[in-house]
């Protein structure tokens, strides 16, 4: 059976369901690789498993590093507005054979990860614009 290249399979995915932009899937792949590296989940035999919540944290960190204050705008432009969207993308890649999963993994792992406004806009608001009762959000937390 011939090996399908990620980009070729991605073209088929986006053509069949253009809900999310192609760039969103490429970003997701890069965020996953960065998260695996940061968590020390790389192995000689290949990458190791990352949970949905770990991936969401890595996605946040990666988006803030790449796009800074424009992260929310970029994600929304790609059709990604909540953690569940990343879950849908991950499971689309799983169903296409481009990613693996364990028996315990599900789309529910991506539910309620964080509020996109808080995660991607709040770190760039001036302190005078933050509610007094809420602590200022900083960079993405390191696990």
C-alpha atoms as a PDB file:
ATOM      1  CA  UNK A   1       0.000   0.000   0.000  1.00  0.00           C
ATOM      2  CA  UNK A   2       1.557   3.340  -1.000  1.00  0.00           C
ATOM      3  CA  UNK A   3       2.337   5.895   1.678  1.00  0.00           C
ATOM      4  CA  UNK A   4       0.183   9.007   1.443  1.00  0.00           C
ATOM      5  CA  UNK A   5       1.997  12.268   2.030  1.00  0.00           C
ATOM      6  CA  UNK A   6       0.554  14.507   4.725  1.00  0.00           C
ATOM      7  CA  UNK A   7       0.076  17.412   2.319  1.00  0.00           C
ATOM      8  CA  UNK A   8      -1.704  15.242  -0.269  1.00  0.00           C
ATOM      9  CA  UNK A   9      -4.041  13.780   2.338  1.00  0.00           C
ATOM     10  CA  UNK A  10      -4.628  17.261   3.708  1.00  0.00           C
ATOM     11  CA  UNK A  11      -5.666  18.497   0.281  1.00  0.00           C
ATOM     12  CA  UNK A  12      -8.257  15.699   0.159  1.00  0.00           C
ATOM     13  CA  UNK A  13      -9.520  16.510   3.673  1.00  0.00           C
ATOM     14  CA  UNK A  14      -9.957  20.217   2.951  1.00  0.00           C
ATOM     15  CA  UNK A  15     -11.575  19.548  -0.432  1.00  0.00           C
ATOM     16  CA  UNK A  16     -14.097  17.192   1.170  1.00  0.00           C
ATOM     17  CA  UNK A  17     -14.791  19.431   4.169  1.00  0.00           C
ATOM     18  CA  UNK A  18     -13.558  23.037   3.967  1.00  0.00           C
ATOM     19  CA  UNK A  19     -14.798  23.900   7.480  1.00  0.00           C
ATOM     20  CA  UNK A  20     -11.209  24.544   8.595  1.00  0.00           C
ATOM     21  CA  UNK A  21      -8.502  26.134   6.480  1.00  0.00           C
ATOM     22  CA  UNK A  22      -5.584  24.061   5.256  1.00  0.00           C
ATOM     23  CA  UNK A  23      -3.232  26.302   7.233  1.00  0.00           C
ATOM     24  CA  UNK A  24      -5.072  25.371  10.430  1.00  0.00           C
ATOM     25  CA  UNK A  25      -4.139  21.712   9.936  1.00  0.00           C
ATOM     26  CA  UNK A  26      -0.521  22.621   9.184  1.00  0.00           C
ATOM     27  CA  UNK A  27      -0.437  24.764  12.317  1.00  0.00           C
ATOM     28  CA  UNK A  28      -1.933  21.884  14.324  1.00  0.00           C
ATOM     29  CA  UNK A  29       0.738  19.493  13.057  1.00  0.00           C
ATOM     30  CA  UNK A  30       3.496  21.948  14.027  1.00  0.00           C
ATOM     31  CA  UNK A  31       1.930  22.620  17.443  1.00  0.00           C
ATOM     32  CA  UNK A  32       1.748  18.861  18.084  1.00  0.00           C
ATOM     33  CA  UNK A  33       5.420  18.404  17.194  1.00  0.00           C
ATOM     34  CA  UNK A  34       6.415  21.322  19.405  1.00  0.00           C
ATOM     35  CA  UNK A  35       4.302  19.986  22.273  1.00  0.00           C
ATOM     36  CA  UNK A  36       5.835  16.516  21.969  1.00  0.00           C
ATOM     37  CA  UNK A  37       9.297  18.047  22.002  1.00  0.00           C
ATOM     38  CA  UNK A  38       8.534  20.333  24.965  1.00  0.00           C
ATOM     39  CA  UNK A  39       7.083  17.450  26.977  1.00  0.00           C
ATOM     40  CA  UNK A  40       9.959  15.160  26.085  1.00  0.00           C
ATOM     41  CA  UNK A  41       7.592  12.809  24.298  1.00  0.00           C
ATOM     42  CA  UNK A  42       9.875  12.040  21.396  1.00  0.00           C
ATOM     43  CA  UNK A  43      11.313   8.559  21.223  1.00  0.00           C
ATOM     44  CA  UNK A  44      13.631   6.643  18.950  1.00  0.00           C
ATOM     45  CA  UNK A  45      10.663   4.719  17.561  1.00  0.00           C
ATOM     46  CA  UNK A  46       8.707   7.884  16.841  1.00  0.00           C
ATOM     47  CA  UNK A  47       6.611  10.427  18.698  1.00  0.00           C
ATOM     48  CA  UNK A  48       4.788   9.461  21.852  1.00  0.00           C
ATOM     49  CA  UNK A  49       1.227  10.200  22.876  1.00  0.00           C
ATOM     50  CA  UNK A  50       0.061  13.682  23.912  1.00  0.00           C
ATOM     51  CA  UNK A  51      -3.327  14.097  25.609  1.00  0.00           C
ATOM     52  CA  UNK A  52      -5.975  16.457  24.304  1.00  0.00           C
ATOM     53  CA  UNK A  53      -5.459  18.879  27.190  1.00  0.00           C
ATOM     54  CA  UNK A  54      -1.677  18.816  26.726  1.00  0.00           C
ATOM     55  CA  UNK A  55      -2.146  19.504  23.035  1.00  0.00           C
ATOM     56  CA  UNK A  56      -4.502  22.411  23.722  1.00  0.00           C
ATOM     57  CA  UNK A  57      -1.896  23.963  26.028  1.00  0.00           C
ATOM     58  CA  UNK A  58       0.744  23.455  23.348  1.00  0.00           C
ATOM     59  CA  UNK A  59      -1.518  24.960  20.697  1.00  0.00           C
ATOM     60  CA  UNK A  60      -2.033  28.049  22.859  1.00  0.00           C
ATOM     61  CA  UNK A  61       1.680  28.433  23.454  1.00  0.00           C
ATOM     62  CA  UNK A  62       2.521  27.926  19.777  1.00  0.00           C
ATOM     63  CA  UNK A  63      -0.142  30.384  18.579  1.00  0.00           C
ATOM     64  CA  UNK A  64       1.000  33.072  21.008  1.00  0.00           C
ATOM     65  CA  UNK A  65       4.632  32.578  19.971  1.00  0.00           C
ATOM     66  CA  UNK A  66       3.868  32.694  16.245  1.00  0.00           C
ATOM     67  CA  UNK A  67       1.093  35.249  16.027  1.00  0.00           C
ATOM     68  CA  UNK A  68       1.204  37.237  19.265  1.00  0.00           C
ATOM     69  CA  UNK A  69      -1.750  39.613  19.545  1.00  0.00           C
ATOM     70  CA  UNK A  70      -3.078  38.407  16.183  1.00  0.00           C
ATOM     71  CA  UNK A  71      -3.444  34.776  17.305  1.00  0.00           C
ATOM     72  CA  UNK A  72      -7.194  34.984  17.884  1.00  0.00           C
ATOM     73  CA  UNK A  73      -7.753  36.706  14.555  1.00  0.00           C
ATOM     74  CA  UNK A  74      -5.684  34.125  12.679  1.00  0.00           C
ATOM     75  CA  UNK A  75      -7.463  31.184  14.320  1.00  0.00           C
ATOM     76  CA  UNK A  76     -10.886  32.669  13.644  1.00  0.00           C
ATOM     77  CA  UNK A  77      -9.920  33.262  10.013  1.00  0.00           C
ATOM     78  CA  UNK A  78      -9.108  29.552   9.784  1.00  0.00           C
ATOM     79  CA  UNK A  79     -12.524  28.625  11.211  1.00  0.00           C
ATOM     80  CA  UNK A  80     -11.142  27.682  14.645  1.00  0.00           C
ATOM     81  CA  UNK A  81     -13.061  29.315  17.485  1.00  0.00           C
ATOM     82  CA  UNK A  82     -12.868  26.871  20.408  1.00  0.00           C
ATOM     83  CA  UNK A  83     -10.961  23.858  21.671  1.00  0.00           C
ATOM     84  CA  UNK A  84     -13.555  21.522  20.243  1.00  0.00           C
ATOM     85  CA  UNK A  85     -12.582  22.701  16.751  1.00  0.00           C
ATOM     86  CA  UNK A  86      -9.058  21.442  17.355  1.00  0.00           C
ATOM     87  CA  UNK A  87     -10.550  18.161  18.574  1.00  0.00           C
ATOM     88  CA  UNK A  88     -12.519  17.824  15.340  1.00  0.00           C
ATOM     89  CA  UNK A  89      -9.371  18.495  13.337  1.00  0.00           C
ATOM     90  CA  UNK A  90      -7.349  15.961  15.337  1.00  0.00           C
ATOM     91  CA  UNK A  91      -9.954  13.252  14.867  1.00  0.00           C
ATOM     92  CA  UNK A  92     -10.263  14.046  11.170  1.00  0.00           C
ATOM     93  CA  UNK A  93      -6.513  13.424  10.927  1.00  0.00           C
ATOM     94  CA  UNK A  94      -6.880  10.240  13.000  1.00  0.00           C
ATOM     95  CA  UNK A  95      -9.676   8.968  10.754  1.00  0.00           C
ATOM     96  CA  UNK A  96      -7.505   9.736   7.719  1.00  0.00           C
ATOM     97  CA  UNK A  97      -4.662   7.686   9.168  1.00  0.00           C
ATOM     98  CA  UNK A  98      -2.386  10.697   9.617  1.00  0.00           C
ATOM     99  CA  UNK A  99      -2.408  10.631  13.425  1.00  0.00           C
ATOM    100  CA  UNK A 100      -2.756   7.853  15.945  1.00  0.00           C
ATOM    101  CA  UNK A 101      -4.812   7.667  19.119  1.00  0.00           C
ATOM    102  CA  UNK A 102      -5.214   5.500  22.166  1.00  0.00           C
ATOM    103  CA  UNK A 103      -8.392   3.777  23.321  1.00  0.00           C
ATOM    104  CA  UNK A 104      -8.885   6.501  25.930  1.00  0.00           C
ATOM    105  CA  UNK A 105      -8.735   9.419  23.463  1.00  0.00           C
ATOM    106  CA  UNK A 106     -11.954  11.118  22.403  1.00  0.00           C
ATOM    107  CA  UNK A 107     -13.264  14.374  21.055  1.00  0.00           C
ATOM    108  CA  UNK A 108     -14.452  15.139  24.592  1.00  0.00           C
ATOM    109  CA  UNK A 109     -10.794  15.619  25.604  1.00  0.00           C
ATOM    110  CA  UNK A 110     -10.926  18.977  23.821  1.00  0.00           C
ATOM    111  CA  UNK A 111     -14.116  20.270  25.426  1.00  0.00           C
ATOM    112  CA  UNK A 112     -13.766  23.226  27.768  1.00  0.00           C
ATOM    113  CA  UNK A 113     -10.003  23.569  27.401  1.00  0.00           C
ATOM    114  CA  UNK A 114      -9.990  27.369  27.580  1.00  0.00           C
ATOM    115  CA  UNK A 115     -11.903  30.409  26.506  1.00  0.00           C
ATOM    116  CA  UNK A 116     -10.286  31.732  23.323  1.00  0.00           C
ATOM    117  CA  UNK A 117     -10.760  35.389  24.339  1.00  0.00           C
ATOM    118  CA  UNK A 118      -8.950  34.749  27.628  1.00  0.00           C
ATOM    119  CA  UNK A 119      -6.280  32.552  26.087  1.00  0.00           C
ATOM    120  CA  UNK A 120      -5.352  34.624  23.053  1.00  0.00           C
ATOM    121  CA  UNK A 121      -6.440  38.220  23.669  1.00  0.00           C
ATOM    122  CA  UNK A 122      -6.104  38.706  27.413  1.00  0.00           C
ATOM    123  CA  UNK A 123      -2.286  38.323  27.542  1.00  0.00           C
ATOM    124  CA  UNK A 124      -1.992  41.457  25.413  1.00  0.00           C
ATOM    125  CA  UNK A 125      -4.470  43.697  27.193  1.00  0.00           C
ATOM    126  CA  UNK A 126      -3.003  46.553  29.235  1.00  0.00           C
ATOM    127  CA  UNK A 127      -3.343  46.040  32.988  1.00  0.00           C
ATOM    128  CA  UNK A 128      -5.751  48.975  33.132  1.00  0.00           C
ATOM    129  CA  UNK A 129      -8.192  47.005  30.902  1.00  0.00           C
ATOM    130  CA  UNK A 130      -8.164  43.860  33.060  1.00  0.00           C
ATOM    131  CA  UNK A 131     -10.803  43.363  35.756  1.00  0.00           C
ATOM    132  CA  UNK A 132      -9.315  43.981  39.204  1.00  0.00           C
ATOM    133  CA  UNK A 133     -10.496  40.656  40.611  1.00  0.00           C
ATOM    134  CA  UNK A 134      -8.831  38.583  37.874  1.00  0.00           C
ATOM    135  CA  UNK A 135      -5.073  38.063  37.759  1.00  0.00           C
ATOM    136  CA  UNK A 136      -3.330  39.127  34.571  1.00  0.00           C
ATOM    137  CA  UNK A 137      -2.763  36.257  32.179  1.00  0.00           C
ATOM    138  CA  UNK A 138       0.762  35.702  31.022  1.00  0.00           C
ATOM    139  CA  UNK A 139       2.370  33.444  28.517  1.00  0.00           C
ATOM    140  CA  UNK A 140       1.072  29.948  28.037  1.00  0.00           C
ATOM    141  CA  UNK A 141       1.733  27.798  31.114  1.00  0.00           C
ATOM    142  CA  UNK A 142       4.588  25.323  30.902  1.00  0.00           C
ATOM    143  CA  UNK A 143       3.767  21.777  31.900  1.00  0.00           C
END
